[in-house]
Amino acid sequence: MAKKKVAKKLLKRKRKVVAVAEHTSDTRSGRKKISGRKTARKVLRKAGKSPIIHCMLAPTEEDILLLPTNVLAKVVDFQQPSPLADAPSWLIGQIEWEDRQVPVFSFFALINGGDPGKISSRSKIMIIKSLSESGRVPYMGVLLGDLPRMTSIKEFDLEKTGDKNKSLGVFSRIKLEGQDAIIPDLDRLTHLITHATYGALPITHLDD
């Protein structure tokens, strides 16, 4: 028993010596051991780097939306939605998808206060998660002029350009690689579409 205890003490001492030696070696060589994602993120921030964000650029009739890929459910060919009674012009109607009715809207018409206009044969409907907690409108369909394009960006790649009109459904207007784009406000869009779909009067302007 005494021999085993001595052996354990010697093993612990050896491990401690090795650990100290490795730490000393790393310190002398300028290396720093990184453990865990939080530490890695701190190092990235201190180095002036930003983690990569996977997004998509989705072209509406006129504008381009920048959205995280995790809100995308499906992109389908355009099909004429069933109209809703007393709905605003930007809410085109509903389509059936995955055994549920999904409201389809024109983002361009919403923020500009007009009509969607003529819909081309290349148009698509992008079904996105509404992030709604109520569950009444779990998905929304956005009218697109063409297929969305996947991209990877860093926070520092985005240049805010402001939104003097305080447009409904717009979280921020930005410029990405010299191209104007809009980050939509999904919470506000869910609120507007829920009220418009279920008969409440839609909000048309933000207060100054």
N, C-alpha and C. Protein backbone atom coordinates (compact mmCIF):
# COMPACT_ATOMS: atom_id res chain seq x y z
N MET A 1 0.83 -1.20 0.00
CA MET A 1 0.00 0.00 0.00
C MET A 1 0.86 1.25 0.00
N ALA A 2 1.95 1.21 0.83
CA ALA A 2 2.84 2.37 0.93
C ALA A 2 3.48 2.66 -0.42
N LYS A 3 3.85 1.58 -1.16
CA LYS A 3 4.48 1.76 -2.47
C LYS A 3 3.51 2.42 -3.45
N LYS A 4 2.22 2.04 -3.39
CA LYS A 4 1.22 2.62 -4.28
C LYS A 4 1.04 4.11 -4.01
N LYS A 5 0.99 4.49 -2.72
CA LYS A 5 0.84 5.90 -2.36
C LYS A 5 2.01 6.73 -2.88
N VAL A 6 3.21 6.19 -2.71
CA VAL A 6 4.42 6.88 -3.19
C VAL A 6 4.37 7.05 -4.71
N ALA A 7 3.93 5.98 -5.40
CA ALA A 7 3.85 6.01 -6.86
C ALA A 7 2.86 7.08 -7.33
N LYS A 8 1.70 7.19 -6.64
CA LYS A 8 0.69 8.19 -6.99
C LYS A 8 1.22 9.59 -6.79
N LYS A 9 1.94 9.82 -5.68
CA LYS A 9 2.52 11.13 -5.42
C LYS A 9 3.52 11.52 -6.50
N LEU A 10 4.35 10.55 -6.88
CA LEU A 10 5.35 10.81 -7.93
C LEU A 10 4.69 11.13 -9.25
N LEU A 11 3.56 10.44 -9.59
CA LEU A 11 2.85 10.66 -10.84
C LEU A 11 2.23 12.06 -10.87
N LYS A 12 1.61 12.47 -9.73
CA LYS A 12 1.03 13.80 -9.64
C LYS A 12 2.09 14.88 -9.80
N ARG A 13 3.26 14.65 -9.12
CA ARG A 13 4.35 15.62 -9.21
C ARG A 13 4.87 15.74 -10.64
N LYS A 14 4.94 14.59 -11.34
CA LYS A 14 5.42 14.59 -12.72
C LYS A 14 4.49 15.36 -13.63
N ARG A 15 3.15 15.15 -13.43
CA ARG A 15 2.16 15.87 -14.25
C ARG A 15 2.24 17.37 -14.01
N LYS A 16 2.44 17.75 -12.75
CA LYS A 16 2.53 19.17 -12.41
C LYS A 16 3.75 19.81 -13.06
N VAL A 17 4.86 19.09 -13.03
CA VAL A 17 6.11 19.59 -13.64
C VAL A 17 5.93 19.77 -15.13
N VAL A 18 5.27 18.78 -15.79
CA VAL A 18 5.03 18.85 -17.24
C VAL A 18 4.14 20.04 -17.59
N ALA A 19 3.08 20.26 -16.79
CA ALA A 19 2.16 21.37 -17.04
C ALA A 19 2.87 22.70 -16.91
N VAL A 20 3.70 22.83 -15.87
CA VAL A 20 4.47 24.07 -15.69
C VAL A 20 5.42 24.30 -16.85
N ALA A 21 6.05 23.24 -17.29
CA ALA A 21 7.00 23.34 -18.40
C ALA A 21 6.30 23.78 -19.68
N GLU A 22 5.10 23.19 -19.95
CA GLU A 22 4.34 23.57 -21.16
C GLU A 22 3.91 25.03 -21.09
N HIS A 23 3.45 25.47 -19.91
CA HIS A 23 3.01 26.86 -19.75
C HIS A 23 4.19 27.81 -19.97
N THR A 24 5.38 27.44 -19.41
CA THR A 24 6.57 28.27 -19.57
C THR A 24 6.98 28.35 -21.02
N SER A 25 6.90 27.20 -21.72
CA SER A 25 7.25 27.15 -23.14
C SER A 25 6.34 28.03 -23.97
N ASP A 26 5.03 27.97 -23.69
CA ASP A 26 4.06 28.78 -24.43
C ASP A 26 4.28 30.26 -24.18
N THR A 27 4.61 30.61 -22.91
CA THR A 27 4.83 32.01 -22.57
C THR A 27 6.04 32.57 -23.28
N ARG A 28 7.12 31.79 -23.30
CA ARG A 28 8.35 32.23 -23.97
C ARG A 28 8.17 32.39 -25.46
N SER A 29 7.39 31.51 -26.06
CA SER A 29 7.20 31.54 -27.52
C SER A 29 6.12 32.52 -27.94
N GLY A 30 5.44 33.14 -26.95
CA GLY A 30 4.41 34.13 -27.29
C GLY A 30 3.07 33.50 -27.58
N ARG A 31 2.92 32.21 -27.37
CA ARG A 31 1.66 31.54 -27.63
C ARG A 31 0.76 31.65 -26.42
N LYS A 32 -0.54 31.64 -26.67
CA LYS A 32 -1.52 31.70 -25.60
C LYS A 32 -2.54 30.61 -25.82
N LYS A 33 -2.75 29.78 -24.84
CA LYS A 33 -3.70 28.68 -24.98
C LYS A 33 -5.13 29.20 -24.93
N ILE A 34 -5.96 28.80 -25.91
CA ILE A 34 -7.35 29.24 -25.98
C ILE A 34 -8.25 28.06 -25.64
N SER A 35 -9.13 28.26 -24.68
CA SER A 35 -10.04 27.18 -24.31
C SER A 35 -11.46 27.70 -24.37
N GLY A 36 -12.32 27.03 -25.16
CA GLY A 36 -13.73 27.40 -25.22
C GLY A 36 -14.02 28.46 -26.26
N ARG A 37 -15.31 28.50 -26.67
CA ARG A 37 -15.73 29.44 -27.71
C ARG A 37 -15.69 30.87 -27.22
N LYS A 38 -16.02 31.09 -25.92
CA LYS A 38 -16.06 32.45 -25.40
C LYS A 38 -14.69 33.10 -25.49
N THR A 39 -13.64 32.33 -25.12
CA THR A 39 -12.29 32.85 -25.19
C THR A 39 -11.91 33.17 -26.63
N ALA A 40 -12.31 32.30 -27.56
CA ALA A 40 -12.02 32.52 -28.97
C ALA A 40 -12.68 33.79 -29.47
N ARG A 41 -13.93 34.03 -29.04
CA ARG A 41 -14.63 35.23 -29.47
C ARG A 41 -13.95 36.48 -28.93
N LYS A 42 -13.46 36.40 -27.65
CA LYS A 42 -12.76 37.54 -27.08
C LYS A 42 -11.51 37.86 -27.87
N VAL A 43 -10.79 36.81 -28.27
CA VAL A 43 -9.57 37.00 -29.05
C VAL A 43 -9.90 37.63 -30.39
N LEU A 44 -11.00 37.17 -31.03
CA LEU A 44 -11.41 37.73 -32.31
C LEU A 44 -11.72 39.22 -32.17
N ARG A 45 -12.45 39.57 -31.09
CA ARG A 45 -12.80 40.97 -30.90
C ARG A 45 -11.57 41.83 -30.66
N LYS A 46 -10.64 41.32 -29.83
CA LYS A 46 -9.43 42.07 -29.54
C LYS A 46 -8.56 42.23 -30.78
N ALA A 47 -8.63 41.25 -31.66
CA ALA A 47 -7.84 41.31 -32.89
C ALA A 47 -8.52 42.14 -33.97
N GLY A 48 -9.71 42.68 -33.65
CA GLY A 48 -10.43 43.50 -34.63
C GLY A 48 -11.13 42.67 -35.68
N LYS A 49 -11.39 41.40 -35.38
CA LYS A 49 -12.05 40.52 -36.33
C LYS A 49 -13.46 40.21 -35.85
N SER A 50 -14.34 39.91 -36.80
CA SER A 50 -15.73 39.60 -36.46
C SER A 50 -16.08 38.23 -36.97
N PRO A 51 -16.84 37.43 -36.20
CA PRO A 51 -17.24 36.11 -36.68
C PRO A 51 -18.06 36.22 -37.97
N ILE A 52 -17.96 35.23 -38.80
CA ILE A 52 -18.69 35.22 -40.07
C ILE A 52 -20.16 34.90 -39.84
N ILE A 53 -21.04 35.65 -40.52
CA ILE A 53 -22.48 35.44 -40.43
C ILE A 53 -22.98 34.95 -41.78
N HIS A 54 -23.70 33.86 -41.79
CA HIS A 54 -24.22 33.31 -43.03
C HIS A 54 -25.59 33.94 -43.32
N CYS A 55 -25.70 34.61 -44.44
CA CYS A 55 -26.91 35.36 -44.80
C CYS A 55 -27.33 35.05 -46.23
N MET A 56 -28.43 35.68 -46.62
CA MET A 56 -28.88 35.61 -48.01
C MET A 56 -29.32 37.00 -48.47
N LEU A 57 -29.06 37.28 -49.72
CA LEU A 57 -29.50 38.51 -50.35
C LEU A 57 -30.71 38.17 -51.21
N ALA A 58 -31.87 38.68 -50.81
CA ALA A 58 -33.12 38.33 -51.48
C ALA A 58 -33.67 39.54 -52.23
N PRO A 59 -33.73 39.48 -53.57
CA PRO A 59 -34.22 40.62 -54.35
C PRO A 59 -35.75 40.69 -54.39
N THR A 60 -36.32 41.77 -53.87
CA THR A 60 -37.76 42.00 -54.03
C THR A 60 -37.95 42.68 -55.39
N GLU A 61 -39.11 43.33 -55.59
CA GLU A 61 -39.35 43.97 -56.89
C GLU A 61 -38.31 45.06 -57.18
N GLU A 62 -37.89 45.78 -56.14
CA GLU A 62 -36.93 46.87 -56.33
C GLU A 62 -35.75 46.77 -55.37
N ASP A 63 -36.03 46.46 -54.12
CA ASP A 63 -34.99 46.45 -53.09
C ASP A 63 -34.41 45.05 -52.89
N ILE A 64 -33.29 45.02 -52.16
CA ILE A 64 -32.66 43.75 -51.81
C ILE A 64 -32.69 43.60 -50.30
N LEU A 65 -33.17 42.47 -49.82
CA LEU A 65 -33.24 42.20 -48.39
C LEU A 65 -32.04 41.37 -47.95
N LEU A 66 -31.50 41.70 -46.80
CA LEU A 66 -30.43 40.91 -46.20
C LEU A 66 -31.00 40.21 -44.98
N LEU A 67 -31.01 38.87 -45.04
CA LEU A 67 -31.61 38.06 -43.98
C LEU A 67 -30.67 36.94 -43.56
N PRO A 68 -30.69 36.55 -42.29
CA PRO A 68 -29.91 35.37 -41.88
C PRO A 68 -30.52 34.12 -42.48
N THR A 69 -29.70 33.17 -42.84
CA THR A 69 -30.19 31.97 -43.52
C THR A 69 -31.10 31.13 -42.63
N ASN A 70 -30.98 31.27 -41.30
CA ASN A 70 -31.78 30.41 -40.42
C ASN A 70 -33.26 30.78 -40.38
N VAL A 71 -33.66 31.89 -41.02
CA VAL A 71 -35.09 32.21 -41.07
C VAL A 71 -35.74 31.65 -42.34
N LEU A 72 -34.94 31.17 -43.28
CA LEU A 72 -35.47 30.66 -44.54
C LEU A 72 -36.09 29.28 -44.37
N ALA A 73 -37.34 29.13 -44.81
CA ALA A 73 -38.01 27.83 -44.76
C ALA A 73 -38.04 27.19 -46.15
N LYS A 74 -38.39 27.99 -47.17
CA LYS A 74 -38.54 27.44 -48.52
C LYS A 74 -38.66 28.59 -49.53
N VAL A 75 -38.22 28.34 -50.76
CA VAL A 75 -38.48 29.25 -51.87
C VAL A 75 -39.28 28.48 -52.91
N VAL A 76 -40.45 29.01 -53.28
CA VAL A 76 -41.33 28.32 -54.23
C VAL A 76 -41.62 29.25 -55.40
N ASP A 77 -41.98 28.64 -56.53
CA ASP A 77 -42.40 29.44 -57.68
C ASP A 77 -43.67 30.22 -57.33
N PHE A 78 -43.81 31.35 -57.98
CA PHE A 78 -44.98 32.18 -57.67
C PHE A 78 -46.27 31.47 -58.08
N GLN A 79 -47.22 31.50 -57.19
CA GLN A 79 -48.58 31.02 -57.46
C GLN A 79 -49.53 32.08 -56.96
N GLN A 80 -50.61 32.30 -57.67
CA GLN A 80 -51.53 33.37 -57.30
C GLN A 80 -52.17 33.09 -55.95
N PRO A 81 -51.90 33.96 -54.95
CA PRO A 81 -52.49 33.73 -53.63
C PRO A 81 -54.00 33.98 -53.62
N SER A 82 -54.67 33.33 -52.71
CA SER A 82 -56.10 33.58 -52.52
C SER A 82 -56.25 34.91 -51.79
N PRO A 83 -57.02 35.86 -52.37
CA PRO A 83 -57.13 37.19 -51.76
C PRO A 83 -57.85 37.16 -50.41
N LEU A 84 -57.52 38.16 -49.59
CA LEU A 84 -58.16 38.30 -48.28
C LEU A 84 -59.06 39.53 -48.29
N ALA A 85 -60.22 39.41 -47.70
CA ALA A 85 -61.18 40.52 -47.69
C ALA A 85 -60.64 41.70 -46.87
N ASP A 86 -60.79 42.90 -47.42
CA ASP A 86 -60.41 44.14 -46.74
C ASP A 86 -58.93 44.20 -46.37
N ALA A 87 -58.10 43.46 -47.09
CA ALA A 87 -56.66 43.48 -46.80
C ALA A 87 -56.01 44.67 -47.50
N PRO A 88 -54.93 45.22 -46.94
CA PRO A 88 -54.21 46.30 -47.63
C PRO A 88 -53.58 45.78 -48.91
N SER A 89 -53.26 46.69 -49.82
CA SER A 89 -52.78 46.28 -51.15
C SER A 89 -51.47 45.52 -51.09
N TRP A 90 -50.65 45.78 -50.07
CA TRP A 90 -49.36 45.10 -49.99
C TRP A 90 -49.49 43.64 -49.56
N LEU A 91 -50.64 43.29 -48.94
CA LEU A 91 -50.89 41.89 -48.55
C LEU A 91 -51.63 41.21 -49.70
N ILE A 92 -50.91 40.44 -50.50
CA ILE A 92 -51.45 39.89 -51.74
C ILE A 92 -52.50 38.82 -51.49
N GLY A 93 -52.32 38.05 -50.44
CA GLY A 93 -53.26 36.97 -50.13
C GLY A 93 -52.57 35.86 -49.38
N GLN A 94 -53.11 34.65 -49.50
CA GLN A 94 -52.54 33.49 -48.82
C GLN A 94 -52.34 32.34 -49.80
N ILE A 95 -51.29 31.56 -49.55
CA ILE A 95 -51.07 30.33 -50.31
C ILE A 95 -51.03 29.16 -49.33
N GLU A 96 -51.31 27.97 -49.83
CA GLU A 96 -51.23 26.78 -48.99
C GLU A 96 -49.84 26.18 -49.09
N TRP A 97 -49.22 25.98 -47.96
CA TRP A 97 -47.88 25.39 -47.90
C TRP A 97 -47.76 24.56 -46.62
N GLU A 98 -47.34 23.31 -46.78
CA GLU A 98 -47.18 22.40 -45.64
C GLU A 98 -48.47 22.33 -44.80
N ASP A 99 -49.61 22.22 -45.49
CA ASP A 99 -50.91 22.08 -44.83
C ASP A 99 -51.28 23.27 -43.93
N ARG A 100 -50.81 24.45 -44.31
CA ARG A 100 -51.15 25.65 -43.58
C ARG A 100 -51.30 26.82 -44.55
N GLN A 101 -52.02 27.84 -44.14
CA GLN A 101 -52.20 29.03 -44.96
C GLN A 101 -51.13 30.06 -44.60
N VAL A 102 -50.36 30.45 -45.60
CA VAL A 102 -49.25 31.39 -45.38
C VAL A 102 -49.57 32.71 -46.06
N PRO A 103 -49.62 33.84 -45.32
CA PRO A 103 -49.86 35.13 -45.95
C PRO A 103 -48.67 35.58 -46.78
N VAL A 104 -48.96 36.09 -47.98
CA VAL A 104 -47.92 36.54 -48.90
C VAL A 104 -48.03 38.05 -49.05
N PHE A 105 -46.90 38.74 -48.95
CA PHE A 105 -46.92 40.20 -49.04
C PHE A 105 -45.80 40.73 -49.91
N SER A 106 -46.01 41.95 -50.39
CA SER A 106 -44.99 42.64 -51.17
C SER A 106 -44.27 43.62 -50.25
N PHE A 107 -43.01 43.36 -49.97
CA PHE A 107 -42.23 44.24 -49.09
C PHE A 107 -42.09 45.61 -49.74
N PHE A 108 -41.87 45.63 -51.05
CA PHE A 108 -41.71 46.89 -51.76
C PHE A 108 -42.97 47.75 -51.63
N ALA A 109 -44.14 47.14 -51.83
CA ALA A 109 -45.40 47.88 -51.73
C ALA A 109 -45.64 48.35 -50.29
N LEU A 110 -45.24 47.55 -49.31
CA LEU A 110 -45.44 47.90 -47.91
C LEU A 110 -44.66 49.16 -47.54
N ILE A 111 -43.37 49.19 -47.86
CA ILE A 111 -42.55 50.31 -47.42
C ILE A 111 -42.75 51.55 -48.28
N ASN A 112 -43.33 51.39 -49.47
CA ASN A 112 -43.54 52.54 -50.35
C ASN A 112 -44.99 52.99 -50.41
N GLY A 113 -45.88 52.24 -49.76
CA GLY A 113 -47.28 52.63 -49.73
C GLY A 113 -48.00 52.55 -51.06
N GLY A 114 -47.61 51.60 -51.91
CA GLY A 114 -48.25 51.47 -53.23
C GLY A 114 -48.79 50.07 -53.45
N ASP A 115 -48.93 49.72 -54.73
CA ASP A 115 -49.40 48.38 -55.11
C ASP A 115 -48.21 47.53 -55.56
N PRO A 116 -48.33 46.22 -55.48
CA PRO A 116 -47.25 45.35 -55.94
C PRO A 116 -46.92 45.51 -57.42
N GLY A 117 -47.92 45.89 -58.21
CA GLY A 117 -47.68 46.03 -59.65
C GLY A 117 -47.71 44.69 -60.36
N LYS A 118 -47.23 44.69 -61.60
CA LYS A 118 -47.24 43.48 -62.40
C LYS A 118 -46.20 42.49 -61.88
N ILE A 119 -46.61 41.24 -61.71
CA ILE A 119 -45.72 40.20 -61.21
C ILE A 119 -45.18 39.40 -62.38
N SER A 120 -43.85 39.32 -62.49
CA SER A 120 -43.22 38.67 -63.64
C SER A 120 -43.22 37.15 -63.48
N SER A 121 -42.91 36.47 -64.58
CA SER A 121 -42.88 35.00 -64.58
C SER A 121 -41.70 34.46 -63.78
N ARG A 122 -40.70 35.31 -63.54
CA ARG A 122 -39.53 34.89 -62.77
C ARG A 122 -39.74 35.04 -61.26
N SER A 123 -40.83 35.62 -60.87
CA SER A 123 -41.07 35.90 -59.45
C SER A 123 -41.13 34.62 -58.62
N LYS A 124 -40.73 34.76 -57.37
CA LYS A 124 -40.75 33.65 -56.41
C LYS A 124 -41.45 34.10 -55.13
N ILE A 125 -41.77 33.14 -54.31
CA ILE A 125 -42.27 33.43 -52.97
C ILE A 125 -41.31 32.78 -51.99
N MET A 126 -40.69 33.61 -51.16
CA MET A 126 -39.76 33.11 -50.15
C MET A 126 -40.50 32.99 -48.83
N ILE A 127 -40.62 31.78 -48.35
CA ILE A 127 -41.32 31.54 -47.08
C ILE A 127 -40.30 31.59 -45.95
N ILE A 128 -40.55 32.52 -45.02
CA ILE A 128 -39.62 32.71 -43.91
C ILE A 128 -40.34 32.52 -42.58
N LYS A 129 -39.57 32.19 -41.57
CA LYS A 129 -40.11 32.05 -40.22
C LYS A 129 -40.38 33.46 -39.67
N SER A 130 -41.55 33.63 -39.12
CA SER A 130 -41.93 34.98 -38.67
C SER A 130 -41.38 35.31 -37.29
N LEU A 131 -40.88 34.34 -36.55
CA LEU A 131 -40.36 34.54 -35.19
C LEU A 131 -41.46 35.02 -34.25
N SER A 132 -42.71 34.70 -34.59
CA SER A 132 -43.84 35.12 -33.77
C SER A 132 -44.05 34.15 -32.62
N GLU A 133 -44.27 34.69 -31.43
CA GLU A 133 -44.52 33.85 -30.26
C GLU A 133 -45.99 33.44 -30.16
N SER A 134 -46.87 34.20 -30.82
CA SER A 134 -48.29 33.89 -30.71
C SER A 134 -48.67 32.63 -31.49
N GLY A 135 -47.95 32.33 -32.57
CA GLY A 135 -48.23 31.16 -33.36
C GLY A 135 -49.33 31.37 -34.39
N ARG A 136 -49.94 32.54 -34.44
CA ARG A 136 -51.01 32.78 -35.42
C ARG A 136 -50.43 32.89 -36.82
N VAL A 137 -49.27 33.49 -36.94
CA VAL A 137 -48.59 33.60 -38.24
C VAL A 137 -47.15 33.11 -38.07
N PRO A 138 -46.95 31.79 -38.03
CA PRO A 138 -45.60 31.27 -37.84
C PRO A 138 -44.71 31.44 -39.07
N TYR A 139 -45.35 31.58 -40.26
CA TYR A 139 -44.58 31.76 -41.50
C TYR A 139 -45.19 32.90 -42.32
N MET A 140 -44.31 33.58 -43.06
CA MET A 140 -44.74 34.65 -43.96
C MET A 140 -44.12 34.40 -45.34
N GLY A 141 -44.85 34.79 -46.37
CA GLY A 141 -44.34 34.65 -47.73
C GLY A 141 -43.97 36.03 -48.29
N VAL A 142 -42.72 36.19 -48.70
CA VAL A 142 -42.24 37.46 -49.25
C VAL A 142 -42.15 37.33 -50.78
N LEU A 143 -42.74 38.28 -51.49
CA LEU A 143 -42.67 38.27 -52.95
C LEU A 143 -41.27 38.68 -53.39
N LEU A 144 -40.63 37.83 -54.20
CA LEU A 144 -39.29 38.11 -54.72
C LEU A 144 -39.31 38.24 -56.23
N GLY A 145 -38.38 39.04 -56.73
CA GLY A 145 -38.24 39.17 -58.17
C GLY A 145 -37.42 38.05 -58.78
N ASP A 146 -36.62 37.38 -57.95
CA ASP A 146 -35.78 36.28 -58.43
C ASP A 146 -35.32 35.47 -57.22
N LEU A 147 -34.49 34.47 -57.47
CA LEU A 147 -34.00 33.61 -56.40
C LEU A 147 -33.04 34.36 -55.48
N PRO A 148 -33.06 34.07 -54.18
CA PRO A 148 -32.10 34.68 -53.27
C PRO A 148 -30.71 34.09 -53.46
N ARG A 149 -29.71 34.85 -53.04
CA ARG A 149 -28.31 34.40 -53.18
C ARG A 149 -27.67 34.33 -51.80
N MET A 150 -27.02 33.20 -51.52
CA MET A 150 -26.36 33.03 -50.23
C MET A 150 -25.04 33.79 -50.21
N THR A 151 -24.71 34.32 -49.03
CA THR A 151 -23.46 35.05 -48.87
C THR A 151 -22.99 34.93 -47.43
N SER A 152 -21.72 35.16 -47.21
CA SER A 152 -21.16 35.17 -45.85
C SER A 152 -20.54 36.54 -45.61
N ILE A 153 -20.88 37.14 -44.49
CA ILE A 153 -20.40 38.49 -44.22
C ILE A 153 -19.85 38.58 -42.80
N LYS A 154 -19.17 39.67 -42.55
CA LYS A 154 -18.73 40.03 -41.20
C LYS A 154 -19.43 41.32 -40.83
N GLU A 155 -19.55 41.55 -39.55
CA GLU A 155 -20.24 42.75 -39.07
C GLU A 155 -19.61 44.01 -39.63
N PHE A 156 -18.28 44.00 -39.76
CA PHE A 156 -17.58 45.19 -40.23
C PHE A 156 -17.78 45.43 -41.73
N ASP A 157 -18.37 44.45 -42.44
CA ASP A 157 -18.63 44.63 -43.87
C ASP A 157 -19.84 45.53 -44.11
N LEU A 158 -20.69 45.71 -43.08
CA LEU A 158 -21.93 46.46 -43.23
C LEU A 158 -21.73 47.93 -42.92
N GLU A 159 -22.24 48.77 -43.79
CA GLU A 159 -22.20 50.22 -43.59
C GLU A 159 -23.63 50.74 -43.51
N LYS A 160 -24.02 51.26 -42.36
CA LYS A 160 -25.38 51.77 -42.20
C LYS A 160 -25.54 53.08 -42.98
N THR A 161 -26.66 53.18 -43.70
CA THR A 161 -26.92 54.38 -44.50
C THR A 161 -28.10 55.17 -43.96
N GLY A 162 -28.77 54.67 -42.92
CA GLY A 162 -29.89 55.38 -42.32
C GLY A 162 -31.19 55.17 -43.08
N ASP A 163 -32.28 55.61 -42.47
CA ASP A 163 -33.61 55.50 -43.08
C ASP A 163 -34.42 56.72 -42.68
N LYS A 164 -34.30 57.78 -43.44
CA LYS A 164 -34.97 59.05 -43.11
C LYS A 164 -36.49 58.93 -43.14
N ASN A 165 -37.00 58.02 -43.95
CA ASN A 165 -38.46 57.87 -44.07
C ASN A 165 -39.07 57.05 -42.94
N LYS A 166 -38.24 56.45 -42.12
CA LYS A 166 -38.72 55.58 -41.03
C LYS A 166 -39.73 54.57 -41.56
N SER A 167 -39.34 53.89 -42.61
CA SER A 167 -40.25 52.97 -43.30
C SER A 167 -40.65 51.81 -42.40
N LEU A 168 -41.92 51.44 -42.50
CA LEU A 168 -42.42 50.28 -41.76
C LEU A 168 -41.73 49.01 -42.22
N GLY A 169 -41.39 48.17 -41.26
CA GLY A 169 -40.79 46.90 -41.62
C GLY A 169 -39.31 46.97 -41.92
N VAL A 170 -38.70 48.16 -41.80
CA VAL A 170 -37.27 48.32 -42.06
C VAL A 170 -36.53 48.46 -40.74
N PHE A 171 -35.63 47.53 -40.47
CA PHE A 171 -34.80 47.63 -39.28
C PHE A 171 -33.63 48.57 -39.54
N SER A 172 -33.02 48.40 -40.71
CA SER A 172 -31.89 49.26 -41.06
C SER A 172 -31.62 49.19 -42.56
N ARG A 173 -31.20 50.31 -43.11
CA ARG A 173 -30.71 50.33 -44.49
C ARG A 173 -29.20 50.31 -44.43
N ILE A 174 -28.61 49.44 -45.25
CA ILE A 174 -27.16 49.27 -45.19
C ILE A 174 -26.57 49.24 -46.60
N LYS A 175 -25.26 49.30 -46.64
CA LYS A 175 -24.55 49.13 -47.90
C LYS A 175 -23.56 48.00 -47.70
N LEU A 176 -23.61 47.03 -48.59
CA LEU A 176 -22.75 45.86 -48.51
C LEU A 176 -22.00 45.71 -49.82
N GLU A 177 -20.68 45.86 -49.76
CA GLU A 177 -19.83 45.77 -50.95
C GLU A 177 -20.32 46.71 -52.04
N GLY A 178 -20.70 47.92 -51.64
CA GLY A 178 -21.13 48.93 -52.59
C GLY A 178 -22.57 48.79 -53.05
N GLN A 179 -23.29 47.80 -52.53
CA GLN A 179 -24.67 47.54 -52.94
C GLN A 179 -25.64 47.89 -51.80
N ASP A 180 -26.68 48.66 -52.12
CA ASP A 180 -27.68 49.02 -51.12
C ASP A 180 -28.56 47.81 -50.79
N ALA A 181 -28.88 47.66 -49.52
CA ALA A 181 -29.73 46.55 -49.09
C ALA A 181 -30.50 46.98 -47.84
N ILE A 182 -31.50 46.19 -47.48
CA ILE A 182 -32.34 46.48 -46.32
C ILE A 182 -32.35 45.27 -45.39
N ILE A 183 -32.14 45.53 -44.10
CA ILE A 183 -32.35 44.49 -43.09
C ILE A 183 -33.78 44.69 -42.58
N PRO A 184 -34.69 43.76 -42.87
CA PRO A 184 -36.08 43.94 -42.46
C PRO A 184 -36.28 43.72 -40.96
N ASP A 185 -37.31 44.35 -40.43
CA ASP A 185 -37.69 44.19 -39.03
C ASP A 185 -38.76 43.09 -38.97
N LEU A 186 -38.33 41.87 -38.69
CA LEU A 186 -39.24 40.73 -38.72
C LEU A 186 -40.32 40.81 -37.64
N ASP A 187 -39.99 41.38 -36.50
CA ASP A 187 -40.99 41.52 -35.45
C ASP A 187 -42.12 42.45 -35.90
N ARG A 188 -41.74 43.59 -36.47
CA ARG A 188 -42.75 44.54 -36.94
C ARG A 188 -43.56 43.96 -38.10
N LEU A 189 -42.90 43.26 -39.01
CA LEU A 189 -43.60 42.64 -40.13
C LEU A 189 -44.62 41.62 -39.65
N THR A 190 -44.22 40.81 -38.66
CA THR A 190 -45.15 39.82 -38.10
C THR A 190 -46.37 40.51 -37.50
N HIS A 191 -46.13 41.59 -36.79
CA HIS A 191 -47.23 42.36 -36.18
C HIS A 191 -48.18 42.90 -37.25
N LEU A 192 -47.64 43.51 -38.29
CA LEU A 192 -48.46 44.09 -39.35
C LEU A 192 -49.26 43.03 -40.09
N ILE A 193 -48.60 41.94 -40.43
CA ILE A 193 -49.26 40.90 -41.22
C ILE A 193 -50.32 40.18 -40.39
N THR A 194 -50.04 39.96 -39.12
CA THR A 194 -51.03 39.33 -38.24
C THR A 194 -52.29 40.18 -38.16
N HIS A 195 -52.13 41.48 -37.97
CA HIS A 195 -53.29 42.37 -37.86
C HIS A 195 -54.03 42.48 -39.19
N ALA A 196 -53.27 42.57 -40.29
CA ALA A 196 -53.92 42.70 -41.60
C ALA A 196 -54.65 41.41 -41.99
N THR A 197 -54.08 40.27 -41.64
CA THR A 197 -54.68 38.98 -42.00
C THR A 197 -55.96 38.70 -41.20
N TYR A 198 -55.96 39.10 -39.94
CA TYR A 198 -57.09 38.77 -39.08
C TYR A 198 -58.08 39.92 -38.90
N GLY A 199 -58.01 40.91 -39.80
CA GLY A 199 -59.08 41.90 -39.85
C GLY A 199 -58.87 43.19 -39.10
N ALA A 200 -57.79 43.34 -38.33
CA ALA A 200 -57.56 44.60 -37.63
C ALA A 200 -57.02 45.64 -38.61
N LEU A 201 -57.21 46.89 -38.29
CA LEU A 201 -56.73 47.96 -39.15
C LEU A 201 -55.21 47.96 -39.17
N PRO A 202 -54.59 47.92 -40.34
CA PRO A 202 -53.12 47.91 -40.40
C PRO A 202 -52.54 49.29 -40.14
N ILE A 203 -51.36 49.32 -39.55
CA ILE A 203 -50.65 50.59 -39.37
C ILE A 203 -50.02 50.96 -40.70
N THR A 204 -50.09 52.22 -41.07
CA THR A 204 -49.53 52.63 -42.35
C THR A 204 -48.33 53.55 -42.22
N HIS A 205 -48.17 54.22 -41.07
CA HIS A 205 -47.03 55.12 -40.89
C HIS A 205 -46.56 55.05 -39.45
N LEU A 206 -45.28 55.34 -39.26
CA LEU A 206 -44.73 55.45 -37.92
C LEU A 206 -44.82 56.90 -37.48
N ASP A 207 -45.02 57.10 -36.19
CA ASP A 207 -45.03 58.47 -35.66
C ASP A 207 -43.62 59.02 -35.67
N ASP A 208 -43.51 60.33 -35.89
CA ASP A 208 -42.19 60.98 -35.88
C ASP A 208 -41.62 61.01 -34.46
